[in-house]
Amino acid sequence: VSADWQKYFPDNASPFYSLPSFLVRAGNPKHIKDWNDLVRDDVQVIFPNPKTSGNARYTYLAATAYAKEAFKGDDAKVKEFITKLFNNVPIFDTGGRAATTTFVQREIGDVLITFESETRGIRKEYGDDKFEQVTPSVSLLAEFPVAIVDKVADEHGTRDLAKTYLDFLYTPEGQDILAQNGTRVRDAAVEAKYKAQFPDVRLLTVEDVFGGWDKVQKEHFAAGGLLDQTYGSR
């Protein structure tokens, strides 16, 4: 794709978005409401290994962003918070699907952290009466960008078709379909239509909290970075 691919479509070429959210068992027996509940001694948390899962990296960053605010930027307390969170995870699966299986089918853990859109799919597949979705007070914006792969589109003569499809995702009809399938959308009218489905949440961004993805990669995900320091030898 071209270097300025995000400029080809509105909203950073992301017609829909989601956020790390919580899925708890029916009745929310552990009364889990926010990130601080996840570090309690009586709570077991399920999410994938942030070393192998992009989904889990958003979870890690969202929890870190929460801790940065809660502890007013005290790095030592932030690291302690994240270490406690990791210590409450009994199994680190390699990906989101395996983590869902651990929580839903193996019935391990009190709360699953995954994208909000995924929690809706899980409830639809396994039963609304078995699980509840909990939206934390603050989370991290997770965008799902789209792009035309120039080389492929030009080789196959599908550029116009690809653009027509991606443009459709921004139309009211396309946005409505996306919202029906559990993702938050950009269109204000469609957003209002499904307001009851998407609780209010204060969304932070990687750019605002961490200075962008390049900086995150160097400071958190590189060998010996902050993730390694809190994740340890698990």
Foldseek 3Di string as FASTA:
>chain_A
DDPPFLVVDPPSQFFFWWWKWKKFWAPLVQPDAALVSLLDPVFAEFDADCLQEPQVVQVLVFLLLVQCVVVVNPVVSSLVSLLSNLVRHPDHHRYGVVSCCCCPVVVDTGMYIGIQLVSVVSCVVRHVNTMDIHGHQETAIGTDHDGDPVVVCVVVVCPVVRVVVSVCCNDPVNVLVVVVSRIGGDDPVSCVVCVVVDDDHHYDYCCVRPNDDVSCCVADVPVPHSVCVSNPPD
